[in-house]
PDB file of N, CA and C in Angstrom:
ATOM      1  N   UNK A   1     195.705  23.847  24.902  1.00  0.00           N
ATOM      2  CA  UNK A   1     196.817  23.009  24.912  1.00  0.00           C
ATOM      3  C   UNK A   1     196.057  21.513  24.169  1.00  0.00           C
ATOM      4  N   UNK A   2     196.763  20.983  23.303  1.00  0.00           N
ATOM      5  CA  UNK A   2     196.339  19.819  22.763  1.00  0.00           C
ATOM      6  C   UNK A   2     196.577  18.584  23.787  1.00  0.00           C
ATOM      7  N   UNK A   3     195.575  17.717  23.914  1.00  0.00           N
ATOM      8  CA  UNK A   3     195.714  16.421  24.752  1.00  0.00           C
ATOM      9  C   UNK A   3     196.991  15.720  24.349  1.00  0.00           C
ATOM     10  N   UNK A   4     197.556  15.178  25.119  1.00  0.00           N
ATOM     11  CA  UNK A   4     198.831  14.385  25.031  1.00  0.00           C
ATOM     12  C   UNK A   4     198.742  13.347  24.053  1.00  0.00           C
ATOM     13  N   UNK A   5     197.437  12.723  24.025  1.00  0.00           N
ATOM     14  CA  UNK A   5     197.238  11.571  23.314  1.00  0.00           C
ATOM     15  C   UNK A   5     196.980  11.979  21.736  1.00  0.00           C
ATOM     16  N   UNK A   6     196.986  13.234  21.347  1.00  0.00           N
ATOM     17  CA  UNK A   6     196.968  13.848  19.999  1.00  0.00           C
ATOM     18  C   UNK A   6     198.161  14.123  19.491  1.00  0.00           C
ATOM     19  N   UNK A   7     199.176  14.250  20.228  1.00  0.00           N
ATOM     20  CA  UNK A   7     200.485  14.316  19.918  1.00  0.00           C
ATOM     21  C   UNK A   7     201.151  13.595  19.192  1.00  0.00           C
ATOM     22  N   UNK A   8     202.079  13.746  18.219  1.00  0.00           N
ATOM     23  CA  UNK A   8     202.814  12.626  17.485  1.00  0.00           C
ATOM     24  C   UNK A   8     203.493  11.866  18.637  1.00  0.00           C
ATOM     25  N   UNK A   9     203.627  10.704  18.115  1.00  0.00           N
ATOM     26  CA  UNK A   9     204.548   9.537  19.191  1.00  0.00           C
ATOM     27  C   UNK A   9     206.036  10.077  18.954  1.00  0.00           C
ATOM     28  N   UNK A  10     207.014  10.633  20.156  1.00  0.00           N
ATOM     29  CA  UNK A  10     208.066  11.026  19.748  1.00  0.00           C
ATOM     30  C   UNK A  10     209.266   9.950  19.311  1.00  0.00           C
ATOM     31  N   UNK A  11     208.766   8.830  19.532  1.00  0.00           N
ATOM     32  CA  UNK A  11     209.662   7.881  19.126  1.00  0.00           C
ATOM     33  C   UNK A  11     209.699   7.395  17.677  1.00  0.00           C
ATOM     34  N   UNK A  12     208.502   8.016  16.869  1.00  0.00           N
ATOM     35  CA  UNK A  12     208.563   7.926  15.369  1.00  0.00           C
ATOM     36  C   UNK A  12     209.205   8.925  14.554  1.00  0.00           C
ATOM     37  N   UNK A  13     209.953   9.751  15.266  1.00  0.00           N
ATOM     38  CA  UNK A  13     210.797  10.839  14.555  1.00  0.00           C
ATOM     39  C   UNK A  13     212.020  10.042  14.116  1.00  0.00           C
ATOM     40  N   UNK A  14     212.572  10.939  13.092  1.00  0.00           N
ATOM     41  CA  UNK A  14     213.711  10.396  12.265  1.00  0.00           C
ATOM     42  C   UNK A  14     215.144  10.801  13.297  1.00  0.00           C
ATOM     43  N   UNK A  15     215.742   9.846  13.922  1.00  0.00           N
ATOM     44  CA  UNK A  15     216.862  10.094  14.689  1.00  0.00           C
ATOM     45  C   UNK A  15     218.045   9.654  14.167  1.00  0.00           C
ATOM     46  N   UNK A  16     219.374  10.324  14.578  1.00  0.00           N
ATOM     47  CA  UNK A  16     220.362   9.882  14.134  1.00  0.00           C
ATOM     48  C   UNK A  16     221.409  10.043  15.102  1.00  0.00           C
ATOM     49  N   UNK A  17     222.749   9.329  15.184  1.00  0.00           N
ATOM     50  CA  UNK A  17     223.614   9.721  16.132  1.00  0.00           C
ATOM     51  C   UNK A  17     224.954   9.601  15.333  1.00  0.00           C
ATOM     52  N   UNK A  18     225.563  10.683  15.522  1.00  0.00           N
ATOM     53  CA  UNK A  18     227.019  10.855  14.886  1.00  0.00           C
ATOM     54  C   UNK A  18     227.839  11.016  15.939  1.00  0.00           C
ATOM     55  N   UNK A  19     229.148  10.714  15.561  1.00  0.00           N
ATOM     56  CA  UNK A  19     230.653  11.061  16.441  1.00  0.00           C
ATOM     57  C   UNK A  19     230.896  12.434  16.027  1.00  0.00           C
ATOM     58  N   UNK A  20     230.933  13.357  17.058  1.00  0.00           N
ATOM     59  CA  UNK A  20     231.427  14.763  16.704  1.00  0.00           C
ATOM     60  C   UNK A  20     232.835  14.906  17.300  1.00  0.00           C
ATOM     61  N   UNK A  21     233.849  15.033  16.418  1.00  0.00           N
ATOM     62  CA  UNK A  21     235.147  15.133  16.838  1.00  0.00           C
ATOM     63  C   UNK A  21     235.581  16.359  17.491  1.00  0.00           C
ATOM     64  N   UNK A  22     234.649  17.456  16.953  1.00  0.00           N
ATOM     65  CA  UNK A  22     234.867  18.607  17.628  1.00  0.00           C
ATOM     66  C   UNK A  22     234.458  18.712  19.135  1.00  0.00           C
ATOM     67  N   UNK A  23     233.551  17.765  19.405  1.00  0.00           N
ATOM     68  CA  UNK A  23     232.923  18.060  20.806  1.00  0.00           C
ATOM     69  C   UNK A  23     233.587  16.639  21.523  1.00  0.00           C
ATOM     70  N   UNK A  24     234.120  15.714  20.706  1.00  0.00           N
ATOM     71  CA  UNK A  24     234.806  14.568  21.505  1.00  0.00           C
ATOM     72  C   UNK A  24     233.717  13.858  22.147  1.00  0.00           C
ATOM     73  N   UNK A  25     232.450  13.837  21.544  1.00  0.00           N
ATOM     74  CA  UNK A  25     231.405  13.152  21.939  1.00  0.00           C
ATOM     75  C   UNK A  25     230.287  12.733  20.898  1.00  0.00           C
ATOM     76  N   UNK A  26     229.257  11.694  21.200  1.00  0.00           N
ATOM     77  CA  UNK A  26     228.396  11.510  20.432  1.00  0.00           C
ATOM     78  C   UNK A  26     227.247  12.623  20.338  1.00  0.00           C
ATOM     79  N   UNK A  27     226.663  12.966  19.208  1.00  0.00           N
ATOM     80  CA  UNK A  27     225.783  14.029  18.949  1.00  0.00           C
ATOM     81  C   UNK A  27     224.315  13.200  18.545  1.00  0.00           C
ATOM     82  N   UNK A  28     223.340  13.376  19.183  1.00  0.00           N
ATOM     83  CA  UNK A  28     222.006  12.836  18.783  1.00  0.00           C
ATOM     84  C   UNK A  28     221.265  13.935  18.195  1.00  0.00           C
ATOM     85  N   UNK A  29     220.701  13.736  16.952  1.00  0.00           N
ATOM     86  CA  UNK A  29     219.969  14.550  16.020  1.00  0.00           C
ATOM     87  C   UNK A  29     218.691  14.038  15.638  1.00  0.00           C
ATOM     88  N   UNK A  30     217.739  15.070  15.394  1.00  0.00           N
ATOM     89  CA  UNK A  30     216.432  14.673  15.004  1.00  0.00           C
ATOM     90  C   UNK A  30     215.981  15.521  13.656  1.00  0.00           C
ATOM     91  N   UNK A  31     216.007  14.735  12.415  1.00  0.00           N
ATOM     92  CA  UNK A  31     215.440  15.338  11.236  1.00  0.00           C
ATOM     93  C   UNK A  31     214.455  16.507  11.188  1.00  0.00           C
ATOM     94  N   UNK A  32     213.291  16.122  12.038  1.00  0.00           N
ATOM     95  CA  UNK A  32     212.183  16.954  12.018  1.00  0.00           C
ATOM     96  C   UNK A  32     212.543  18.173  12.843  1.00  0.00           C
ATOM     97  N   UNK A  33     213.305  18.226  13.681  1.00  0.00           N
ATOM     98  CA  UNK A  33     213.805  19.285  14.689  1.00  0.00           C
ATOM     99  C   UNK A  33     215.179  19.656  14.448  1.00  0.00           C
ATOM    100  N   UNK A  34     215.653  20.258  13.309  1.00  0.00           N
ATOM    101  CA  UNK A  34     217.028  20.385  12.991  1.00  0.00           C
ATOM    102  C   UNK A  34     217.805  21.376  14.061  1.00  0.00           C
ATOM    103  N   UNK A  35     217.121  22.232  14.764  1.00  0.00           N
ATOM    104  CA  UNK A  35     217.734  23.032  15.849  1.00  0.00           C
ATOM    105  C   UNK A  35     218.147  22.528  17.262  1.00  0.00           C
ATOM    106  N   UNK A  36     217.632  21.235  17.310  1.00  0.00           N
ATOM    107  CA  UNK A  36     217.850  20.310  18.506  1.00  0.00           C
ATOM    108  C   UNK A  36     219.077  19.365  18.470  1.00  0.00           C
ATOM    109  N   UNK A  37     219.773  19.198  19.465  1.00  0.00           N
ATOM    110  CA  UNK A  37     220.901  18.050  19.368  1.00  0.00           C
ATOM    111  C   UNK A  37     221.165  17.961  20.808  1.00  0.00           C
ATOM    112  N   UNK A  38     221.778  16.600  20.974  1.00  0.00           N
ATOM    113  CA  UNK A  38     222.164  16.426  22.308  1.00  0.00           C
ATOM    114  C   UNK A  38     223.544  15.560  22.378  1.00  0.00           C
ATOM    115  N   UNK A  39     224.457  16.070  23.049  1.00  0.00           N
ATOM    116  CA  UNK A  39     225.918  15.335  23.158  1.00  0.00           C
ATOM    117  C   UNK A  39     225.849  14.572  24.429  1.00  0.00           C
ATOM    118  N   UNK A  40     226.611  13.367  24.204  1.00  0.00           N
ATOM    119  CA  UNK A  40     226.824  12.512  25.346  1.00  0.00           C
ATOM    120  C   UNK A  40     227.904  11.524  25.071  1.00  0.00           C
ATOM    121  N   UNK A  41     228.521  10.732  26.029  1.00  0.00           N
ATOM    122  CA  UNK A  41     229.696  10.026  25.857  1.00  0.00           C
ATOM    123  C   UNK A  41     229.507   8.786  25.147  1.00  0.00           C
ATOM    124  N   UNK A  42     228.126   8.269  24.881  1.00  0.00           N
ATOM    125  CA  UNK A  42     227.718   7.007  24.291  1.00  0.00           C
ATOM    126  C   UNK A  42     226.713   7.277  23.285  1.00  0.00           C
ATOM    127  N   UNK A  43     226.669   6.571  22.382  1.00  0.00           N
ATOM    128  CA  UNK A  43     225.604   6.468  21.282  1.00  0.00           C
ATOM    129  C   UNK A  43     224.236   6.192  21.912  1.00  0.00           C
ATOM    130  N   UNK A  44     224.277   5.403  22.904  1.00  0.00           N
ATOM    131  CA  UNK A  44     223.013   4.992  23.487  1.00  0.00           C
ATOM    132  C   UNK A  44     222.326   6.234  24.170  1.00  0.00           C
ATOM    133  N   UNK A  45     223.329   6.876  25.002  1.00  0.00           N
ATOM    134  CA  UNK A  45     222.982   8.067  25.978  1.00  0.00           C
ATOM    135  C   UNK A  45     222.680   9.306  24.859  1.00  0.00           C
ATOM    136  N   UNK A  46     223.311   9.409  23.747  1.00  0.00           N
ATOM    137  CA  UNK A  46     222.851  10.536  23.081  1.00  0.00           C
ATOM    138  C   UNK A  46     221.591  10.141  22.587  1.00  0.00           C
ATOM    139  N   UNK A  47     221.343   9.023  21.890  1.00  0.00           N
ATOM    140  CA  UNK A  47     219.946   8.739  21.334  1.00  0.00           C
ATOM    141  C   UNK A  47     218.754   8.969  22.414  1.00  0.00           C
ATOM    142  N   UNK A  48     219.206   8.549  23.785  1.00  0.00           N
ATOM    143  CA  UNK A  48     217.963   8.582  24.733  1.00  0.00           C
ATOM    144  C   UNK A  48     217.826  10.137  25.033  1.00  0.00           C
ATOM    145  N   UNK A  49     218.776  10.873  25.059  1.00  0.00           N
ATOM    146  CA  UNK A  49     218.872  12.308  25.264  1.00  0.00           C
ATOM    147  C   UNK A  49     218.257  13.204  24.186  1.00  0.00           C
ATOM    148  N   UNK A  50     218.446  12.877  23.049  1.00  0.00           N
ATOM    149  CA  UNK A  50     217.607  13.641  21.845  1.00  0.00           C
ATOM    150  C   UNK A  50     216.227  13.131  21.721  1.00  0.00           C
ATOM    151  N   UNK A  51     216.053  11.921  22.199  1.00  0.00           N
ATOM    152  CA  UNK A  51     214.497  11.636  22.239  1.00  0.00           C
ATOM    153  C   UNK A  51     213.777  12.195  23.429  1.00  0.00           C
ATOM    154  N   UNK A  52     214.439  12.453  24.446  1.00  0.00           N
ATOM    155  CA  UNK A  52     213.826  12.955  25.461  1.00  0.00           C
ATOM    156  C   UNK A  52     213.694  14.495  25.380  1.00  0.00           C
ATOM    157  N   UNK A  53     214.547  15.003  24.844  1.00  0.00           N
ATOM    158  CA  UNK A  53     214.428  16.384  24.477  1.00  0.00           C
ATOM    159  C   UNK A  53     213.363  16.802  23.320  1.00  0.00           C
ATOM    160  N   UNK A  54     213.267  15.889  22.336  1.00  0.00           N
ATOM    161  CA  UNK A  54     212.133  16.000  21.391  1.00  0.00           C
ATOM    162  C   UNK A  54     210.736  16.028  22.277  1.00  0.00           C
ATOM    163  N   UNK A  55     210.577  14.863  22.986  1.00  0.00           N
ATOM    164  CA  UNK A  55     209.272  14.843  23.758  1.00  0.00           C
ATOM    165  C   UNK A  55     209.151  15.973  24.524  1.00  0.00           C
ATOM    166  N   UNK A  56     210.003  16.571  25.279  1.00  0.00           N
ATOM    167  CA  UNK A  56     209.868  17.776  26.052  1.00  0.00           C
ATOM    168  C   UNK A  56     209.551  18.760  25.058  1.00  0.00           C
ATOM    169  N   UNK A  57     210.150  18.912  23.910  1.00  0.00           N
ATOM    170  CA  UNK A  57     209.785  20.143  22.858  1.00  0.00           C
ATOM    171  C   UNK A  57     208.460  19.992  22.432  1.00  0.00           C
ATOM    172  N   UNK A  58     208.089  18.848  22.127  1.00  0.00           N
ATOM    173  CA  UNK A  58     206.636  18.724  21.408  1.00  0.00           C
ATOM    174  C   UNK A  58     205.558  19.085  22.643  1.00  0.00           C
ATOM    175  N   UNK A  59     205.648  18.571  23.685  1.00  0.00           N
ATOM    176  CA  UNK A  59     204.945  18.887  24.767  1.00  0.00           C
ATOM    177  C   UNK A  59     204.874  20.328  25.251  1.00  0.00           C
ATOM    178  N   UNK A  60     206.148  20.921  24.977  1.00  0.00           N
ATOM    179  CA  UNK A  60     206.167  22.444  25.416  1.00  0.00           C
ATOM    180  C   UNK A  60     205.377  23.302  24.135  1.00  0.00           C
ATOM    181  N   UNK A  61     205.622  22.772  22.825  1.00  0.00           N
ATOM    182  CA  UNK A  61     204.882  23.239  21.656  1.00  0.00           C
ATOM    183  C   UNK A  61     203.399  23.224  22.009  1.00  0.00           C
ATOM    184  N   UNK A  62     202.929  22.311  22.293  1.00  0.00           N
ATOM    185  CA  UNK A  62     201.387  21.753  22.383  1.00  0.00           C
ATOM    186  C   UNK A  62     201.067  22.932  23.704  1.00  0.00           C
ATOM    187  N   UNK A  63     201.713  23.084  24.663  1.00  0.00           N
ATOM    188  CA  UNK A  63     201.160  23.926  25.592  1.00  0.00           C
ATOM    189  C   UNK A  63     201.117  25.458  25.094  1.00  0.00           C
ATOM    190  N   UNK A  64     202.078  25.845  24.234  1.00  0.00           N
ATOM    191  CA  UNK A  64     202.071  27.086  23.708  1.00  0.00           C
ATOM    192  C   UNK A  64     201.274  27.130  22.252  1.00  0.00           C
ATOM    193  N   UNK A  65     200.460  26.344  22.124  1.00  0.00           N
ATOM    194  CA  UNK A  65     199.649  26.245  20.961  1.00  0.00           C
ATOM    195  C   UNK A  65     200.569  26.351  19.680  1.00  0.00           C
ATOM    196  N   UNK A  66     201.577  25.741  19.779  1.00  0.00           N
ATOM    197  CA  UNK A  66     202.492  25.648  18.296  1.00  0.00           C
ATOM    198  C   UNK A  66     202.183  24.611  17.346  1.00  0.00           C
ATOM    199  N   UNK A  67     202.357  24.542  16.399  1.00  0.00           N
ATOM    200  CA  UNK A  67     202.140  23.442  15.375  1.00  0.00           C
ATOM    201  C   UNK A  67     203.272  22.651  15.650  1.00  0.00           C
ATOM    202  N   UNK A  68     203.004  21.245  15.876  1.00  0.00           N
ATOM    203  CA  UNK A  68     204.178  20.250  16.161  1.00  0.00           C
ATOM    204  C   UNK A  68     204.205  19.362  14.886  1.00  0.00           C
ATOM    205  N   UNK A  69     205.415  19.358  14.290  1.00  0.00           N
ATOM    206  CA  UNK A  69     205.635  18.847  13.021  1.00  0.00           C
ATOM    207  C   UNK A  69     205.474  17.191  13.217  1.00  0.00           C
ATOM    208  N   UNK A  70     204.825  16.614  12.129  1.00  0.00           N
ATOM    209  CA  UNK A  70     204.545  15.249  12.026  1.00  0.00           C
ATOM    210  C   UNK A  70     206.033  14.561  11.681  1.00  0.00           C
ATOM    211  N   UNK A  71     206.141  13.313  12.318  1.00  0.00           N
ATOM    212  CA  UNK A  71     207.312  12.436  11.859  1.00  0.00           C
ATOM    213  C   UNK A  71     207.234  12.382  10.296  1.00  0.00           C
ATOM    214  N   UNK A  72     208.447  12.271   9.691  1.00  0.00           N
ATOM    215  CA  UNK A  72     208.635  11.977   8.514  1.00  0.00           C
ATOM    216  C   UNK A  72     208.000  10.755   7.943  1.00  0.00           C
ATOM    217  N   UNK A  73     208.274   9.704   8.652  1.00  0.00           N
ATOM    218  CA  UNK A  73     207.397   8.217   8.345  1.00  0.00           C
ATOM    219  C   UNK A  73     205.704   8.601   8.461  1.00  0.00           C
ATOM    220  N   UNK A  74     205.447   9.333   8.838  1.00  0.00           N
ATOM    221  CA  UNK A  74     203.873   9.513   8.967  1.00  0.00           C
ATOM    222  C   UNK A  74     203.367  10.775   8.110  1.00  0.00           C
ATOM    223  N   UNK A  75     204.255  11.146   7.310  1.00  0.00           N
ATOM    224  CA  UNK A  75     203.701  12.254   6.442  1.00  0.00           C
ATOM    225  C   UNK A  75     203.236  11.674   4.999  1.00  0.00           C
ATOM    226  N   UNK A  76     202.290  12.244   4.264  1.00  0.00           N
ATOM    227  CA  UNK A  76     202.037  11.598   3.090  1.00  0.00           C
ATOM    228  C   UNK A  76     202.740  12.493   1.827  1.00  0.00           C
ATOM    229  N   UNK A  77     202.959  11.794   0.823  1.00  0.00           N
ATOM    230  CA  UNK A  77     203.856  12.439  -0.290  1.00  0.00           C
ATOM    231  C   UNK A  77     203.095  12.204  -1.529  1.00  0.00           C
ATOM    232  N   UNK A  78     203.201  13.326  -2.333  1.00  0.00           N
ATOM    233  CA  UNK A  78     202.330  13.053  -3.467  1.00  0.00           C
ATOM    234  C   UNK A  78     203.049  12.402  -4.528  1.00  0.00           C
ATOM    235  N   UNK A  79     204.366  12.163  -4.678  1.00  0.00           N
ATOM    236  CA  UNK A  79     205.163  11.361  -5.733  1.00  0.00           C
ATOM    237  C   UNK A  79     205.499  12.557  -6.789  1.00  0.00           C
ATOM    238  N   UNK A  80     205.304  13.723  -6.384  1.00  0.00           N
ATOM    239  CA  UNK A  80     205.758  14.648  -7.432  1.00  0.00           C
ATOM    240  C   UNK A  80     206.583  15.805  -6.921  1.00  0.00           C
ATOM    241  N   UNK A  81     207.541  16.237  -7.638  1.00  0.00           N
ATOM    242  CA  UNK A  81     208.289  17.391  -7.206  1.00  0.00           C
ATOM    243  C   UNK A  81     209.240  17.764  -8.567  1.00  0.00           C
ATOM    244  N   UNK A  82     209.214  19.190  -8.432  1.00  0.00           N
ATOM    245  CA  UNK A  82     210.198  19.857  -9.733  1.00  0.00           C
ATOM    246  C   UNK A  82     211.502  19.926  -9.453  1.00  0.00           C
ATOM    247  N   UNK A  83     212.277  19.614 -10.432  1.00  0.00           N
ATOM    248  CA  UNK A  83     213.507  19.800 -10.336  1.00  0.00           C
ATOM    249  C   UNK A  83     214.187  20.645 -11.474  1.00  0.00           C
ATOM    250  N   UNK A  84     214.878  21.811 -11.171  1.00  0.00           N
ATOM    251  CA  UNK A  84     215.350  22.565 -12.330  1.00  0.00           C
ATOM    252  C   UNK A  84     216.707  22.068 -12.769  1.00  0.00           C
ATOM    253  N   UNK A  85     216.762  22.091 -14.011  1.00  0.00           N
ATOM    254  CA  UNK A  85     218.115  21.393 -14.517  1.00  0.00           C
ATOM    255  C   UNK A  85     218.645  22.500 -15.628  1.00  0.00           C
ATOM    256  N   UNK A  86     219.810  22.296 -16.120  1.00  0.00           N
ATOM    257  CA  UNK A  86     220.438  23.172 -17.050  1.00  0.00           C
ATOM    258  C   UNK A  86     219.708  22.736 -18.294  1.00  0.00           C
ATOM    259  N   UNK A  87     219.504  23.607 -19.380  1.00  0.00           N
ATOM    260  CA  UNK A  87     218.972  23.260 -20.840  1.00  0.00           C
ATOM    261  C   UNK A  87     219.785  22.148 -21.211  1.00  0.00           C
ATOM    262  N   UNK A  88     220.992  22.230 -21.220  1.00  0.00           N
ATOM    263  CA  UNK A  88     221.958  21.165 -21.819  1.00  0.00           C
ATOM    264  C   UNK A  88     221.558  19.762 -21.134  1.00  0.00           C
ATOM    265  N   UNK A  89     221.508  19.750 -19.882  1.00  0.00           N
ATOM    266  CA  UNK A  89     221.051  18.481 -19.260  1.00  0.00           C
ATOM    267  C   UNK A  89     219.690  18.017 -19.852  1.00  0.00           C
ATOM    268  N   UNK A  90     218.857  18.811 -19.834  1.00  0.00           N
ATOM    269  CA  UNK A  90     217.460  18.688 -20.109  1.00  0.00           C
ATOM    270  C   UNK A  90     217.324  17.921 -21.677  1.00  0.00           C
ATOM    271  N   UNK A  91     218.026  18.590 -22.475  1.00  0.00           N
ATOM    272  CA  UNK A  91     218.205  18.262 -23.833  1.00  0.00           C
ATOM    273  C   UNK A  91     218.719  16.798 -23.856  1.00  0.00           C
ATOM    274  N   UNK A  92     219.889  16.671 -23.280  1.00  0.00           N
ATOM    275  CA  UNK A  92     220.657  15.283 -23.312  1.00  0.00           C
ATOM    276  C   UNK A  92     219.758  14.205 -22.705  1.00  0.00           C
ATOM    277  N   UNK A  93     218.932  14.308 -21.639  1.00  0.00           N
ATOM    278  CA  UNK A  93     218.074  13.329 -21.109  1.00  0.00           C
ATOM    279  C   UNK A  93     217.172  13.194 -21.997  1.00  0.00           C
ATOM    280  N   UNK A  94     216.501  14.151 -22.525  1.00  0.00           N
ATOM    281  CA  UNK A  94     215.389  13.946 -23.499  1.00  0.00           C
ATOM    282  C   UNK A  94     215.808  13.182 -24.763  1.00  0.00           C
ATOM    283  N   UNK A  95     216.877  13.476 -25.321  1.00  0.00           N
ATOM    284  CA  UNK A  95     217.450  12.557 -26.326  1.00  0.00           C
ATOM    285  C   UNK A  95     217.535  11.047 -25.989  1.00  0.00           C
ATOM    286  N   UNK A  96     218.188  11.070 -24.820  1.00  0.00           N
ATOM    287  CA  UNK A  96     218.434   9.407 -24.241  1.00  0.00           C
ATOM    288  C   UNK A  96     217.162   8.945 -24.063  1.00  0.00           C
ATOM    289  N   UNK A  97     216.117   9.515 -23.585  1.00  0.00           N
ATOM    290  CA  UNK A  97     214.790   8.925 -23.385  1.00  0.00           C
ATOM    291  C   UNK A  97     214.260   8.543 -24.712  1.00  0.00           C
ATOM    292  N   UNK A  98     214.489   9.349 -25.675  1.00  0.00           N
ATOM    293  CA  UNK A  98     213.902   9.014 -27.039  1.00  0.00           C
ATOM    294  C   UNK A  98     214.493   8.032 -27.619  1.00  0.00           C
ATOM    295  N   UNK A  99     215.692   7.791 -27.535  1.00  0.00           N
ATOM    296  CA  UNK A  99     216.789   6.686 -27.860  1.00  0.00           C
ATOM    297  C   UNK A  99     216.276   5.525 -27.389  1.00  0.00           C
ATOM    298  N   UNK A 100     215.877   5.301 -26.044  1.00  0.00           N
ATOM    299  CA  UNK A 100     215.494   4.290 -25.100  1.00  0.00           C
ATOM    300  C   UNK A 100     213.939   3.815 -25.462  1.00  0.00           C
ATOM    301  N   UNK A 101     213.237   4.779 -26.035  1.00  0.00           N
ATOM    302  CA  UNK A 101     211.970   4.597 -26.405  1.00  0.00           C
ATOM    303  C   UNK A 101     211.261   4.600 -25.003  1.00  0.00           C
ATOM    304  N   UNK A 102     211.497   5.308 -23.965  1.00  0.00           N
ATOM    305  CA  UNK A 102     210.733   5.498 -22.764  1.00  0.00           C
ATOM    306  C   UNK A 102     210.521   7.038 -22.590  1.00  0.00           C
ATOM    307  N   UNK A 103     209.628   7.215 -21.592  1.00  0.00           N
ATOM    308  CA  UNK A 103     209.412   8.938 -21.382  1.00  0.00           C
ATOM    309  C   UNK A 103     210.462   9.371 -20.711  1.00  0.00           C
ATOM    310  N   UNK A 104     210.650  10.837 -20.603  1.00  0.00           N
ATOM    311  CA  UNK A 104     211.716  11.460 -19.845  1.00  0.00           C
ATOM    312  C   UNK A 104     211.527  11.271 -18.358  1.00  0.00           C
ATOM    313  N   UNK A 105     210.205  11.116 -17.796  1.00  0.00           N
ATOM    314  CA  UNK A 105     210.004  10.877 -16.598  1.00  0.00           C
ATOM    315  C   UNK A 105     210.288   9.630 -16.137  1.00  0.00           C
ATOM    316  N   UNK A 106     210.113   8.483 -16.989  1.00  0.00           N
ATOM    317  CA  UNK A 106     210.482   7.101 -16.661  1.00  0.00           C
ATOM    318  C   UNK A 106     212.116   7.109 -16.501  1.00  0.00           C
ATOM    319  N   UNK A 107     212.780   7.697 -17.407  1.00  0.00           N
ATOM    320  CA  UNK A 107     214.158   7.605 -17.405  1.00  0.00           C
ATOM    321  C   UNK A 107     214.875   8.330 -15.994  1.00  0.00           C
ATOM    322  N   UNK A 108     214.112   9.455 -15.796  1.00  0.00           N
ATOM    323  CA  UNK A 108     214.779  10.123 -14.668  1.00  0.00           C
ATOM    324  C   UNK A 108     214.553   9.417 -13.354  1.00  0.00           C
ATOM    325  N   UNK A 109     213.135   8.979 -13.242  1.00  0.00           N
ATOM    326  CA  UNK A 109     212.703   8.076 -12.118  1.00  0.00           C
ATOM    327  C   UNK A 109     213.571   6.920 -11.880  1.00  0.00           C
ATOM    328  N   UNK A 110     214.052   6.160 -12.931  1.00  0.00           N
ATOM    329  CA  UNK A 110     214.870   5.068 -12.775  1.00  0.00           C
ATOM    330  C   UNK A 110     216.270   5.619 -12.560  1.00  0.00           C
ATOM    331  N   UNK A 111     216.681   6.684 -12.863  1.00  0.00           N
ATOM    332  CA  UNK A 111     218.120   7.105 -12.541  1.00  0.00           C
ATOM    333  C   UNK A 111     217.883   7.451 -11.070  1.00  0.00           C
ATOM    334  N   UNK A 112     217.095   8.139 -10.546  1.00  0.00           N
ATOM    335  CA  UNK A 112     216.937   8.471  -9.175  1.00  0.00           C
ATOM    336  C   UNK A 112     216.892   7.277  -8.229  1.00  0.00           C
ATOM    337  N   UNK A 113     216.032   6.489  -8.721  1.00  0.00           N
ATOM    338  CA  UNK A 113     215.868   5.121  -7.902  1.00  0.00           C
ATOM    339  C   UNK A 113     217.310   4.322  -7.678  1.00  0.00           C
ATOM    340  N   UNK A 114     218.118   4.392  -8.717  1.00  0.00           N
ATOM    341  CA  UNK A 114     219.256   3.583  -8.658  1.00  0.00           C
ATOM    342  C   UNK A 114     220.412   4.194  -8.083  1.00  0.00           C
ATOM    343  N   UNK A 115     220.288   5.375  -7.799  1.00  0.00           N
ATOM    344  CA  UNK A 115     221.428   6.392  -7.087  1.00  0.00           C
ATOM    345  C   UNK A 115     221.561   5.967  -5.581  1.00  0.00           C
TER     346      UNK A 115
END
């Protein structure tokens, strides 16, 4: 079992609370643990519930020698990812970048940043 002080801080995970019309309650969610959710009558209780559930889950994972995911905010990112596009879109973006006298990478980066 990993010592508790080596586990990620459960408050650093990416939480959100949404209204569930189907359940007629608020649902607390955690991006790093997509299979977990917590239903409650108020937003505050739903957030408290999902945070408590995540804490219990990471403690249980540690006891069972499972890999506990790092919070998204504590992960490092390379700044690179590959996107597949149609040949027509690739050609159109390449032409546009050439016309603007910028690289295709710069053009796409600016488009993504402004979205």
